Amino acid sequence: MTTLLDSAAQVMSPFTTATMTLIVSEVTTNAASAGTITWSSALTGSGYAVGSAVTLPGSVAQPNISVIWGHAIYVYTPTIGYEVSGSFNLTDDIYLMPRLSTTIQANQPSSTCAS
């Protein structure tokens, strides 16, 4: 997981990752499709707390599944701007289903990861 998160610096080059938040988490759902964080890792800071409730988008939420959730926020400040001034957040989320298993184990030692 560390290698995956650290690769974000290469992808973002020549922009800095200092203003970026990147979190990868596993969300499991119960029979009512309510999501809970199973493990979470972040590029900077900490990920989401294990056991935290998560509301998945309707197109993703299904009963009794595991989903890998990638969440990115980048605080962008244009270098030249006539109509846009100041900083603003660029955000994106991606949800992926494990292909060859029902869950993904996180083996990275971290206060927010449960393996």
PDB file of N, CA and C in Angstrom:
ATOM      1  N   MET A   1       0.818  -1.188   0.000  1.00  0.00           N
ATOM      2  CA  MET A   1       0.000   0.000   0.000  1.00  0.00           C
ATOM      3  C   MET A   1       0.867   1.258   0.000  1.00  0.00           C
ATOM      4  N   THR A   2       1.982   1.222   0.710  1.00  0.00           N
ATOM      5  CA  THR A   2       2.876   2.377   0.740  1.00  0.00           C
ATOM      6  C   THR A   2       3.385   2.710  -0.657  1.00  0.00           C
ATOM      7  N   THR A   3       3.784   1.699  -1.419  1.00  0.00           N
ATOM      8  CA  THR A   3       4.277   1.915  -2.778  1.00  0.00           C
ATOM      9  C   THR A   3       3.188   2.508  -3.663  1.00  0.00           C
ATOM     10  N   LEU A   4       1.984   1.997  -3.541  1.00  0.00           N
ATOM     11  CA  LEU A   4       0.866   2.510  -4.323  1.00  0.00           C
ATOM     12  C   LEU A   4       0.612   3.983  -4.007  1.00  0.00           C
ATOM     13  N   LEU A   5       0.554   4.321  -2.742  1.00  0.00           N
ATOM     14  CA  LEU A   5       0.295   5.708  -2.354  1.00  0.00           C
ATOM     15  C   LEU A   5       1.454   6.623  -2.728  1.00  0.00           C
ATOM     16  N   ASP A   6       2.681   6.144  -2.553  1.00  0.00           N
ATOM     17  CA  ASP A   6       3.849   6.966  -2.903  1.00  0.00           C
ATOM     18  C   ASP A   6       3.948   7.213  -4.408  1.00  0.00           C
ATOM     19  N   SER A   7       3.381   6.331  -5.216  1.00  0.00           N
ATOM     20  CA  SER A   7       3.437   6.525  -6.664  1.00  0.00           C
ATOM     21  C   SER A   7       2.637   7.750  -7.105  1.00  0.00           C
ATOM     22  N   ALA A   8       1.775   8.241  -6.241  1.00  0.00           N
ATOM     23  CA  ALA A   8       0.992   9.441  -6.577  1.00  0.00           C
ATOM     24  C   ALA A   8       1.904  10.630  -6.854  1.00  0.00           C
ATOM     25  N   ALA A   9       3.042  10.690  -6.194  1.00  0.00           N
ATOM     26  CA  ALA A   9       3.983  11.792  -6.431  1.00  0.00           C
ATOM     27  C   ALA A   9       4.493  11.767  -7.863  1.00  0.00           C
ATOM     28  N   GLN A  10       4.723  10.582  -8.403  1.00  0.00           N
ATOM     29  CA  GLN A  10       5.165  10.460  -9.788  1.00  0.00           C
ATOM     30  C   GLN A  10       4.057  10.853 -10.756  1.00  0.00           C
ATOM     31  N   VAL A  11       2.851  10.461 -10.451  1.00  0.00           N
ATOM     32  CA  VAL A  11       1.717  10.786 -11.314  1.00  0.00           C
ATOM     33  C   VAL A  11       1.452  12.289 -11.311  1.00  0.00           C
ATOM     34  N   MET A  12       1.613  12.926 -10.175  1.00  0.00           N
ATOM     35  CA  MET A  12       1.313  14.351 -10.048  1.00  0.00           C
ATOM     36  C   MET A  12       2.438  15.258 -10.563  1.00  0.00           C
ATOM     37  N   SER A  13       3.614  14.716 -10.772  1.00  0.00           N
ATOM     38  CA  SER A  13       4.757  15.515 -11.211  1.00  0.00           C
ATOM     39  C   SER A  13       4.412  16.298 -12.471  1.00  0.00           C
ATOM     40  N   PRO A  14       4.728  17.540 -12.557  1.00  0.00           N
ATOM     41  CA  PRO A  14       5.602  18.365 -11.724  1.00  0.00           C
ATOM     42  C   PRO A  14       4.875  19.095 -10.592  1.00  0.00           C
ATOM     43  N   PHE A  15       3.604  18.788 -10.369  1.00  0.00           N
ATOM     44  CA  PHE A  15       2.876  19.419  -9.279  1.00  0.00           C
ATOM     45  C   PHE A  15       3.223  18.760  -7.954  1.00  0.00           C
ATOM     46  N   THR A  16       3.138  19.502  -6.878  1.00  0.00           N
ATOM     47  CA  THR A  16       3.458  18.985  -5.552  1.00  0.00           C
ATOM     48  C   THR A  16       2.299  18.163  -4.987  1.00  0.00           C
ATOM     49  N   THR A  17       2.604  17.217  -4.127  1.00  0.00           N
ATOM     50  CA  THR A  17       1.569  16.461  -3.427  1.00  0.00           C
ATOM     51  C   THR A  17       1.291  17.066  -2.055  1.00  0.00           C
ATOM     52  N   ALA A  18       1.935  18.176  -1.733  1.00  0.00           N
ATOM     53  CA  ALA A  18       1.756  18.802  -0.424  1.00  0.00           C
ATOM     54  C   ALA A  18       0.318  19.263  -0.199  1.00  0.00           C
ATOM     55  N   THR A  19      -0.387  19.593  -1.266  1.00  0.00           N
ATOM     56  CA  THR A  19      -1.770  20.052  -1.133  1.00  0.00           C
ATOM     57  C   THR A  19      -2.770  18.977  -1.541  1.00  0.00           C
ATOM     58  N   MET A  20      -2.317  17.719  -1.555  1.00  0.00           N
ATOM     59  CA  MET A  20      -3.172  16.619  -1.980  1.00  0.00           C
ATOM     60  C   MET A  20      -3.482  15.685  -0.816  1.00  0.00           C
ATOM     61  N   THR A  21      -4.713  15.241  -0.778  1.00  0.00           N
ATOM     62  CA  THR A  21      -5.127  14.191   0.147  1.00  0.00           C
ATOM     63  C   THR A  21      -5.501  12.992  -0.710  1.00  0.00           C
ATOM     64  N   LEU A  22      -4.887  11.841  -0.419  1.00  0.00           N
ATOM     65  CA  LEU A  22      -5.172  10.620  -1.154  1.00  0.00           C
ATOM     66  C   LEU A  22      -5.404   9.509  -0.144  1.00  0.00           C
ATOM     67  N   ILE A  23      -6.589   8.924  -0.178  1.00  0.00           N
ATOM     68  CA  ILE A  23      -6.954   7.876   0.778  1.00  0.00           C
ATOM     69  C   ILE A  23      -7.500   6.676   0.017  1.00  0.00           C
ATOM     70  N   VAL A  24      -7.005   5.484   0.368  1.00  0.00           N
ATOM     71  CA  VAL A  24      -7.514   4.228  -0.187  1.00  0.00           C
ATOM     72  C   VAL A  24      -8.061   3.425   0.988  1.00  0.00           C
ATOM     73  N   SER A  25      -9.300   2.976   0.851  1.00  0.00           N
ATOM     74  CA  SER A  25      -9.967   2.267   1.943  1.00  0.00           C
ATOM     75  C   SER A  25     -10.754   1.084   1.409  1.00  0.00           C
ATOM     76  N   GLU A  26     -10.981   0.119   2.284  1.00  0.00           N
ATOM     77  CA  GLU A  26     -11.928  -0.949   1.963  1.00  0.00           C
ATOM     78  C   GLU A  26     -13.200  -0.670   2.746  1.00  0.00           C
ATOM     79  N   VAL A  27     -14.325  -0.724   2.045  1.00  0.00           N
ATOM     80  CA  VAL A  27     -15.635  -0.535   2.653  1.00  0.00           C
ATOM     81  C   VAL A  27     -16.398  -1.842   2.518  1.00  0.00           C
ATOM     82  N   THR A  28     -16.912  -2.351   3.625  1.00  0.00           N
ATOM     83  CA  THR A  28     -17.759  -3.539   3.572  1.00  0.00           C
ATOM     84  C   THR A  28     -19.186  -3.118   3.903  1.00  0.00           C
ATOM     85  N   THR A  29     -20.135  -3.805   3.310  1.00  0.00           N
ATOM     86  CA  THR A  29     -21.538  -3.479   3.559  1.00  0.00           C
ATOM     87  C   THR A  29     -22.229  -4.627   4.275  1.00  0.00           C
ATOM     88  N   ASN A  30     -23.290  -4.284   4.986  1.00  0.00           N
ATOM     89  CA  ASN A  30     -24.093  -5.302   5.661  1.00  0.00           C
ATOM     90  C   ASN A  30     -25.309  -5.651   4.783  1.00  0.00           C
ATOM     91  N   ALA A  31     -26.233  -6.413   5.319  1.00  0.00           N
ATOM     92  CA  ALA A  31     -27.399  -6.853   4.553  1.00  0.00           C
ATOM     93  C   ALA A  31     -28.268  -5.682   4.089  1.00  0.00           C
ATOM     94  N   ALA A  32     -28.164  -4.537   4.784  1.00  0.00           N
ATOM     95  CA  ALA A  32     -28.953  -3.355   4.416  1.00  0.00           C
ATOM     96  C   ALA A  32     -28.150  -2.400   3.524  1.00  0.00           C
ATOM     97  N   SER A  33     -26.990  -2.837   3.036  1.00  0.00           N
ATOM     98  CA  SER A  33     -26.100  -2.049   2.165  1.00  0.00           C
ATOM     99  C   SER A  33     -25.450  -0.867   2.868  1.00  0.00           C
ATOM    100  N   ALA A  34     -25.439  -0.865   4.194  1.00  0.00           N
ATOM    101  CA  ALA A  34     -24.771   0.202   4.951  1.00  0.00           C
ATOM    102  C   ALA A  34     -23.274  -0.092   4.972  1.00  0.00           C
ATOM    103  N   GLY A  35     -22.449   0.894   4.610  1.00  0.00           N
ATOM    104  CA  GLY A  35     -21.010   0.705   4.510  1.00  0.00           C
ATOM    105  C   GLY A  35     -20.257   1.038   5.788  1.00  0.00           C
ATOM    106  N   THR A  36     -19.162   0.294   6.000  1.00  0.00           N
ATOM    107  CA  THR A  36     -18.273   0.495   7.142  1.00  0.00           C
ATOM    108  C   THR A  36     -16.836   0.373   6.666  1.00  0.00           C
ATOM    109  N   ILE A  37     -15.961   1.239   7.155  1.00  0.00           N
ATOM    110  CA  ILE A  37     -14.537   1.183   6.818  1.00  0.00           C
ATOM    111  C   ILE A  37     -13.913  -0.040   7.486  1.00  0.00           C
ATOM    112  N   THR A  38     -13.279  -0.909   6.678  1.00  0.00           N
ATOM    113  CA  THR A  38     -12.583  -2.097   7.184  1.00  0.00           C
ATOM    114  C   THR A  38     -11.119  -1.761   7.455  1.00  0.00           C
ATOM    115  N   TRP A  39     -10.486  -1.060   6.513  1.00  0.00           N
ATOM    116  CA  TRP A  39      -9.132  -0.548   6.676  1.00  0.00           C
ATOM    117  C   TRP A  39      -8.999   0.681   5.797  1.00  0.00           C
ATOM    118  N   SER A  40      -7.999   1.495   6.108  1.00  0.00           N
ATOM    119  CA  SER A  40      -7.814   2.724   5.364  1.00  0.00           C
ATOM    120  C   SER A  40      -6.365   3.169   5.472  1.00  0.00           C
ATOM    121  N   SER A  41      -5.796   3.631   4.356  1.00  0.00           N
ATOM    122  CA  SER A  41      -4.424   4.146   4.324  1.00  0.00           C
ATOM    123  C   SER A  41      -4.420   5.455   3.552  1.00  0.00           C
ATOM    124  N   ALA A  42      -3.534   6.358   3.953  1.00  0.00           N
ATOM    125  CA  ALA A  42      -3.483   7.674   3.323  1.00  0.00           C
ATOM    126  C   ALA A  42      -2.063   8.027   2.934  1.00  0.00           C
ATOM    127  N   LEU A  43      -1.939   8.849   1.903  1.00  0.00           N
ATOM    128  CA  LEU A  43      -0.633   9.343   1.472  1.00  0.00           C
ATOM    129  C   LEU A  43      -0.044  10.270   2.530  1.00  0.00           C
ATOM    130  N   THR A  44      -0.840  11.193   3.002  1.00  0.00           N
ATOM    131  CA  THR A  44      -0.416  12.090   4.082  1.00  0.00           C
ATOM    132  C   THR A  44      -1.467  12.039   5.173  1.00  0.00           C
ATOM    133  N   GLY A  45      -1.044  12.146   6.409  1.00  0.00           N
ATOM    134  CA  GLY A  45      -1.988  12.070   7.515  1.00  0.00           C
ATOM    135  C   GLY A  45      -2.464  10.651   7.708  1.00  0.00           C
ATOM    136  N   SER A  46      -3.670  10.529   8.220  1.00  0.00           N
ATOM    137  CA  SER A  46      -4.220   9.194   8.460  1.00  0.00           C
ATOM    138  C   SER A  46      -5.450   8.993   7.586  1.00  0.00           C
ATOM    139  N   GLY A  47      -5.782   7.763   7.380  1.00  0.00           N
ATOM    140  CA  GLY A  47      -6.975   7.438   6.616  1.00  0.00           C
ATOM    141  C   GLY A  47      -8.201   7.584   7.495  1.00  0.00           C
ATOM    142  N   TYR A  48      -9.285   7.003   7.044  1.00  0.00           N
ATOM    143  CA  TYR A  48     -10.523   7.029   7.823  1.00  0.00           C
ATOM    144  C   TYR A  48     -10.428   6.026   8.967  1.00  0.00           C
ATOM    145  N   ALA A  49     -11.110   6.297  10.054  1.00  0.00           N
ATOM    146  CA  ALA A  49     -11.087   5.407  11.218  1.00  0.00           C
ATOM    147  C   ALA A  49     -11.797   4.100  10.885  1.00  0.00           C
ATOM    148  N   VAL A  50     -11.175   2.990  11.285  1.00  0.00           N
ATOM    149  CA  VAL A  50     -11.777   1.673  11.096  1.00  0.00           C
ATOM    150  C   VAL A  50     -13.100   1.644  11.858  1.00  0.00           C
ATOM    151  N   GLY A  51     -14.136   1.149  11.201  1.00  0.00           N
ATOM    152  CA  GLY A  51     -15.450   1.081  11.817  1.00  0.00           C
ATOM    153  C   GLY A  51     -16.340   2.275  11.518  1.00  0.00           C
ATOM    154  N   SER A  52     -15.780   3.309  10.853  1.00  0.00           N
ATOM    155  CA  SER A  52     -16.579   4.491  10.511  1.00  0.00           C
ATOM    156  C   SER A  52     -17.651   4.136   9.493  1.00  0.00           C
ATOM    157  N   ALA A  53     -18.807   4.766   9.643  1.00  0.00           N
ATOM    158  CA  ALA A  53     -19.896   4.564   8.685  1.00  0.00           C
ATOM    159  C   ALA A  53     -19.607   5.334   7.405  1.00  0.00           C
ATOM    160  N   VAL A  54     -19.939   4.732   6.260  1.00  0.00           N
ATOM    161  CA  VAL A  54     -19.735   5.345   4.953  1.00  0.00           C
ATOM    162  C   VAL A  54     -21.016   5.161   4.143  1.00  0.00           C
ATOM    163  N   THR A  55     -21.443   6.222   3.471  1.00  0.00           N
ATOM    164  CA  THR A  55     -22.577   6.125   2.569  1.00  0.00           C
ATOM    165  C   THR A  55     -22.041   5.980   1.148  1.00  0.00           C
ATOM    166  N   LEU A  56     -22.228   4.828   0.570  1.00  0.00           N
ATOM    167  CA  LEU A  56     -21.793   4.578  -0.803  1.00  0.00           C
ATOM    168  C   LEU A  56     -22.829   5.127  -1.775  1.00  0.00           C
ATOM    169  N   PRO A  57     -22.400   5.523  -2.974  1.00  0.00           N
ATOM    170  CA  PRO A  57     -23.367   5.962  -3.993  1.00  0.00           C
ATOM    171  C   PRO A  57     -24.352   4.839  -4.304  1.00  0.00           C
ATOM    172  N   GLY A  58     -25.549   5.207  -4.683  1.00  0.00           N
ATOM    173  CA  GLY A  58     -26.586   4.219  -4.977  1.00  0.00           C
ATOM    174  C   GLY A  58     -26.189   3.195  -6.021  1.00  0.00           C
ATOM    175  N   SER A  59     -25.383   3.609  -6.994  1.00  0.00           N
ATOM    176  CA  SER A  59     -24.964   2.690  -8.040  1.00  0.00           C
ATOM    177  C   SER A  59     -23.929   1.670  -7.555  1.00  0.00           C
ATOM    178  N   VAL A  60     -23.342   1.916  -6.381  1.00  0.00           N
ATOM    179  CA  VAL A  60     -22.306   1.032  -5.831  1.00  0.00           C
ATOM    180  C   VAL A  60     -22.851   0.184  -4.684  1.00  0.00           C
ATOM    181  N   ALA A  61     -23.699   0.777  -3.863  1.00  0.00           N
ATOM    182  CA  ALA A  61     -24.186   0.110  -2.652  1.00  0.00           C
ATOM    183  C   ALA A  61     -24.982  -1.144  -2.982  1.00  0.00           C
ATOM    184  N   GLN A  62     -24.516  -2.259  -2.443  1.00  0.00           N
ATOM    185  CA  GLN A  62     -25.183  -3.547  -2.560  1.00  0.00           C
ATOM    186  C   GLN A  62     -25.018  -4.253  -1.231  1.00  0.00           C
ATOM    187  N   PRO A  63     -25.883  -5.180  -0.900  1.00  0.00           N
ATOM    188  CA  PRO A  63     -25.732  -5.884   0.375  1.00  0.00           C
ATOM    189  C   PRO A  63     -24.546  -6.853   0.373  1.00  0.00           C
ATOM    190  N   ASN A  64     -23.858  -6.906   1.498  1.00  0.00           N
ATOM    191  CA  ASN A  64     -22.807  -7.895   1.785  1.00  0.00           C
ATOM    192  C   ASN A  64     -21.698  -7.953   0.748  1.00  0.00           C
ATOM    193  N   ILE A  65     -21.091  -6.808   0.449  1.00  0.00           N
ATOM    194  CA  ILE A  65     -19.968  -6.756  -0.484  1.00  0.00           C
ATOM    195  C   ILE A  65     -18.798  -6.003   0.149  1.00  0.00           C
ATOM    196  N   SER A  66     -17.647  -6.091  -0.493  1.00  0.00           N
ATOM    197  CA  SER A  66     -16.486  -5.278  -0.153  1.00  0.00           C
ATOM    198  C   SER A  66     -16.127  -4.454  -1.377  1.00  0.00           C
ATOM    199  N   VAL A  67     -15.795  -3.194  -1.152  1.00  0.00           N
ATOM    200  CA  VAL A  67     -15.462  -2.264  -2.223  1.00  0.00           C
ATOM    201  C   VAL A  67     -14.180  -1.532  -1.834  1.00  0.00           C
ATOM    202  N   ILE A  68     -13.268  -1.384  -2.779  1.00  0.00           N
ATOM    203  CA  ILE A  68     -12.093  -0.551  -2.550  1.00  0.00           C
ATOM    204  C   ILE A  68     -12.449   0.856  -3.012  1.00  0.00           C
ATOM    205  N   TRP A  69     -12.266   1.813  -2.111  1.00  0.00           N
ATOM    206  CA  TRP A  69     -12.654   3.202  -2.366  1.00  0.00           C
ATOM    207  C   TRP A  69     -11.406   4.069  -2.402  1.00  0.00           C
ATOM    208  N   GLY A  70     -11.162   4.693  -3.514  1.00  0.00           N
ATOM    209  CA  GLY A  70     -10.075   5.662  -3.636  1.00  0.00           C
ATOM    210  C   GLY A  70     -10.660   7.061  -3.621  1.00  0.00           C
ATOM    211  N   HIS A  71     -10.143   7.911  -2.742  1.00  0.00           N
ATOM    212  CA  HIS A  71     -10.659   9.274  -2.588  1.00  0.00           C
ATOM    213  C   HIS A  71      -9.488  10.243  -2.695  1.00  0.00           C
ATOM    214  N   ALA A  72      -9.579  11.198  -3.613  1.00  0.00           N
ATOM    215  CA  ALA A  72      -8.501  12.169  -3.821  1.00  0.00           C
ATOM    216  C   ALA A  72      -9.055  13.586  -3.786  1.00  0.00           C
ATOM    217  N   ILE A  73      -8.303  14.461  -3.117  1.00  0.00           N
ATOM    218  CA  ILE A  73      -8.600  15.892  -3.102  1.00  0.00           C
ATOM    219  C   ILE A  73      -7.292  16.613  -3.391  1.00  0.00           C
ATOM    220  N   TYR A  74      -7.326  17.519  -4.335  1.00  0.00           N
ATOM    221  CA  TYR A  74      -6.146  18.316  -4.665  1.00  0.00           C
ATOM    222  C   TYR A  74      -6.540  19.786  -4.606  1.00  0.00           C
ATOM    223  N   VAL A  75      -5.830  20.549  -3.782  1.00  0.00           N
ATOM    224  CA  VAL A  75      -6.074  21.981  -3.692  1.00  0.00           C
ATOM    225  C   VAL A  75      -5.262  22.633  -4.808  1.00  0.00           C
ATOM    226  N   TYR A  76      -5.965  23.118  -5.813  1.00  0.00           N
ATOM    227  CA  TYR A  76      -5.319  23.667  -7.003  1.00  0.00           C
ATOM    228  C   TYR A  76      -5.361  25.186  -6.979  1.00  0.00           C
ATOM    229  N   THR A  77      -4.202  25.778  -7.242  1.00  0.00           N
ATOM    230  CA  THR A  77      -4.106  27.223  -7.379  1.00  0.00           C
ATOM    231  C   THR A  77      -3.585  27.520  -8.773  1.00  0.00           C
ATOM    232  N   PRO A  78      -4.400  28.119  -9.635  1.00  0.00           N
ATOM    233  CA  PRO A  78      -3.939  28.430 -10.991  1.00  0.00           C
ATOM    234  C   PRO A  78      -2.770  29.411 -10.961  1.00  0.00           C
ATOM    235  N   THR A  79      -1.808  29.183 -11.832  1.00  0.00           N
ATOM    236  CA  THR A  79      -0.671  30.105 -11.901  1.00  0.00           C
ATOM    237  C   THR A  79      -1.040  31.355 -12.674  1.00  0.00           C
ATOM    238  N   ILE A  80      -1.902  31.222 -13.642  1.00  0.00           N
ATOM    239  CA  ILE A  80      -2.390  32.362 -14.411  1.00  0.00           C
ATOM    240  C   ILE A  80      -3.903  32.231 -14.477  1.00  0.00           C
ATOM    241  N   GLY A  81      -4.595  33.263 -14.101  1.00  0.00           N
ATOM    242  CA  GLY A  81      -6.050  33.186 -14.156  1.00  0.00           C
ATOM    243  C   GLY A  81      -6.678  34.552 -14.292  1.00  0.00           C
ATOM    244  N   TYR A  82      -7.482  34.665 -15.291  1.00  0.00           N
ATOM    245  CA  TYR A  82      -8.185  35.920 -15.495  1.00  0.00           C
ATOM    246  C   TYR A  82      -9.576  35.857 -14.874  1.00  0.00           C
ATOM    247  N   GLU A  83     -10.193  34.703 -14.974  1.00  0.00           N
ATOM    248  CA  GLU A  83     -11.545  34.557 -14.454  1.00  0.00           C
ATOM    249  C   GLU A  83     -11.576  33.753 -13.166  1.00  0.00           C
ATOM    250  N   VAL A  84     -10.563  32.946 -12.944  1.00  0.00           N
ATOM    251  CA  VAL A  84     -10.498  32.133 -11.734  1.00  0.00           C
ATOM    252  C   VAL A  84      -9.343  32.637 -10.895  1.00  0.00           C
ATOM    253  N   SER A  85      -9.637  33.013  -9.681  1.00  0.00           N
ATOM    254  CA  SER A  85      -8.565  33.437  -8.792  1.00  0.00           C
ATOM    255  C   SER A  85      -8.713  32.699  -7.476  1.00  0.00           C
ATOM    256  N   GLY A  86      -7.612  32.533  -6.792  1.00  0.00           N
ATOM    257  CA  GLY A  86      -7.624  31.784  -5.544  1.00  0.00           C
ATOM    258  C   GLY A  86      -7.536  30.290  -5.797  1.00  0.00           C
ATOM    259  N   SER A  87      -7.609  29.537  -4.733  1.00  0.00           N
ATOM    260  CA  SER A  87      -7.503  28.073  -4.801  1.00  0.00           C
ATOM    261  C   SER A  87      -8.888  27.439  -4.788  1.00  0.00           C
ATOM    262  N   PHE A  88      -8.965  26.240  -5.354  1.00  0.00           N
ATOM    263  CA  PHE A  88     -10.200  25.462  -5.261  1.00  0.00           C
ATOM    264  C   PHE A  88      -9.849  23.985  -5.257  1.00  0.00           C
ATOM    265  N   ASN A  89     -10.771  23.185  -4.745  1.00  0.00           N
ATOM    266  CA  ASN A  89     -10.546  21.747  -4.610  1.00  0.00           C
ATOM    267  C   ASN A  89     -10.967  20.998  -5.870  1.00  0.00           C
ATOM    268  N   LEU A  90     -10.071  20.148  -6.345  1.00  0.00           N
ATOM    269  CA  LEU A  90     -10.393  19.173  -7.376  1.00  0.00           C
ATOM    270  C   LEU A  90     -10.547  17.843  -6.649  1.00  0.00           C
ATOM    271  N   THR A  91     -11.668  17.177  -6.808  1.00  0.00           N
ATOM    272  CA  THR A  91     -11.902  15.932  -6.084  1.00  0.00           C
ATOM    273  C   THR A  91     -12.324  14.825  -7.039  1.00  0.00           C
ATOM    274  N   ASP A  92     -12.058  13.600  -6.618  1.00  0.00           N
ATOM    275  CA  ASP A  92     -12.514  12.451  -7.382  1.00  0.00           C
ATOM    276  C   ASP A  92     -12.599  11.245  -6.464  1.00  0.00           C
ATOM    277  N   ASP A  93     -13.527  10.369  -6.756  1.00  0.00           N
ATOM    278  CA  ASP A  93     -13.702   9.112  -6.040  1.00  0.00           C
ATOM    279  C   ASP A  93     -13.791   7.990  -7.054  1.00  0.00           C
ATOM    280  N   ILE A  94     -13.232   6.842  -6.687  1.00  0.00           N
ATOM    281  CA  ILE A  94     -13.342   5.657  -7.531  1.00  0.00           C
ATOM    282  C   ILE A  94     -13.675   4.476  -6.626  1.00  0.00           C
ATOM    283  N   TYR A  95     -14.548   3.618  -7.102  1.00  0.00           N
ATOM    284  CA  TYR A  95     -14.969   2.438  -6.350  1.00  0.00           C
ATOM    285  C   TYR A  95     -14.681   1.212  -7.202  1.00  0.00           C
ATOM    286  N   LEU A  96     -13.950   0.267  -6.645  1.00  0.00           N
ATOM    287  CA  LEU A  96     -13.567  -0.941  -7.374  1.00  0.00           C
ATOM    288  C   LEU A  96     -13.948  -2.176  -6.565  1.00  0.00           C
ATOM    289  N   MET A  97     -14.477  -3.157  -7.250  1.00  0.00           N
ATOM    290  CA  MET A  97     -14.817  -4.427  -6.608  1.00  0.00           C
ATOM    291  C   MET A  97     -13.615  -5.364  -6.705  1.00  0.00           C
ATOM    292  N   PRO A  98     -13.276  -6.074  -5.620  1.00  0.00           N
ATOM    293  CA  PRO A  98     -12.223  -7.093  -5.734  1.00  0.00           C
ATOM    294  C   PRO A  98     -12.624  -8.134  -6.767  1.00  0.00           C
ATOM    295  N   ARG A  99     -11.670  -8.502  -7.622  1.00  0.00           N
ATOM    296  CA  ARG A  99     -11.989  -9.406  -8.729  1.00  0.00           C
ATOM    297  C   ARG A  99     -11.830 -10.880  -8.385  1.00  0.00           C
ATOM    298  N   LEU A 100     -10.796 -11.220  -7.646  1.00  0.00           N
ATOM    299  CA  LEU A 100     -10.507 -12.631  -7.405  1.00  0.00           C
ATOM    300  C   LEU A 100     -10.739 -13.059  -5.960  1.00  0.00           C
ATOM    301  N   SER A 101     -11.327 -12.185  -5.170  1.00  0.00           N
ATOM    302  CA  SER A 101     -11.630 -12.513  -3.785  1.00  0.00           C
ATOM    303  C   SER A 101     -12.815 -11.667  -3.339  1.00  0.00           C
ATOM    304  N   THR A 102     -13.324 -11.953  -2.170  1.00  0.00           N
ATOM    305  CA  THR A 102     -14.446 -11.167  -1.662  1.00  0.00           C
ATOM    306  C   THR A 102     -13.984  -9.971  -0.840  1.00  0.00           C
ATOM    307  N   THR A 103     -12.708  -9.967  -0.429  1.00  0.00           N
ATOM    308  CA  THR A 103     -12.158  -8.878   0.374  1.00  0.00           C
ATOM    309  C   THR A 103     -10.674  -8.746   0.077  1.00  0.00           C
ATOM    310  N   ILE A 104     -10.095  -7.615   0.404  1.00  0.00           N
ATOM    311  CA  ILE A 104      -8.666  -7.368   0.233  1.00  0.00           C
ATOM    312  C   ILE A 104      -8.068  -7.127   1.609  1.00  0.00           C
ATOM    313  N   GLN A 105      -7.051  -7.886   1.946  1.00  0.00           N
ATOM    314  CA  GLN A 105      -6.389  -7.711   3.232  1.00  0.00           C
ATOM    315  C   GLN A 105      -5.332  -6.618   3.134  1.00  0.00           C
ATOM    316  N   ALA A 106      -5.279  -5.743   4.119  1.00  0.00           N
ATOM    317  CA  ALA A 106      -4.244  -4.709   4.173  1.00  0.00           C
ATOM    318  C   ALA A 106      -3.176  -5.185   5.139  1.00  0.00           C
ATOM    319  N   ASN A 107      -1.966  -5.374   4.623  1.00  0.00           N
ATOM    320  CA  ASN A 107      -0.869  -5.882   5.448  1.00  0.00           C
ATOM    321  C   ASN A 107       0.119  -4.805   5.850  1.00  0.00           C
ATOM    322  N   GLN A 108      -0.248  -3.554   5.644  1.00  0.00           N
ATOM    323  CA  GLN A 108       0.625  -2.449   6.009  1.00  0.00           C
ATOM    324  C   GLN A 108       0.415  -2.118   7.486  1.00  0.00           C
ATOM    325  N   PRO A 109       1.501  -2.035   8.266  1.00  0.00           N
ATOM    326  CA  PRO A 109       1.328  -1.638   9.663  1.00  0.00           C
ATOM    327  C   PRO A 109       0.948  -0.156   9.733  1.00  0.00           C
ATOM    328  N   SER A 110      -0.202   0.109  10.283  1.00  0.00           N
ATOM    329  CA  SER A 110      -0.675   1.488  10.392  1.00  0.00           C
ATOM    330  C   SER A 110      -1.746   1.536  11.469  1.00  0.00           C
ATOM    331  N   SER A 111      -1.879   2.690  12.090  1.00  0.00           N
ATOM    332  CA  SER A 111      -2.877   2.817  13.144  1.00  0.00           C
ATOM    333  C   SER A 111      -4.289   2.751  12.575  1.00  0.00           C
ATOM    334  N   THR A 112      -4.456   2.988  11.281  1.00  0.00           N
ATOM    335  CA  THR A 112      -5.788   2.978  10.695  1.00  0.00           C
ATOM    336  C   THR A 112      -6.056   1.726   9.880  1.00  0.00           C
ATOM    337  N   CYS A 113      -5.085   0.823   9.789  1.00  0.00           N
ATOM    338  CA  CYS A 113      -5.267  -0.394   8.989  1.00  0.00           C
ATOM    339  C   CYS A 113      -5.530  -1.591   9.905  1.00  0.00           C
ATOM    340  N   ALA A 114      -6.514  -2.361   9.573  1.00  0.00           N
ATOM    341  CA  ALA A 114      -6.766  -3.622  10.265  1.00  0.00           C
ATOM    342  C   ALA A 114      -6.511  -4.731   9.266  1.00  0.00           C
ATOM    343  N   SER A 115      -5.613  -5.657   9.581  1.00  0.00           N
ATOM    344  CA  SER A 115      -5.322  -6.710   8.610  1.00  0.00           C
ATOM    345  C   SER A 115      -5.971  -8.015   8.990  1.00  0.00           C
TER     346      SER A 115
END
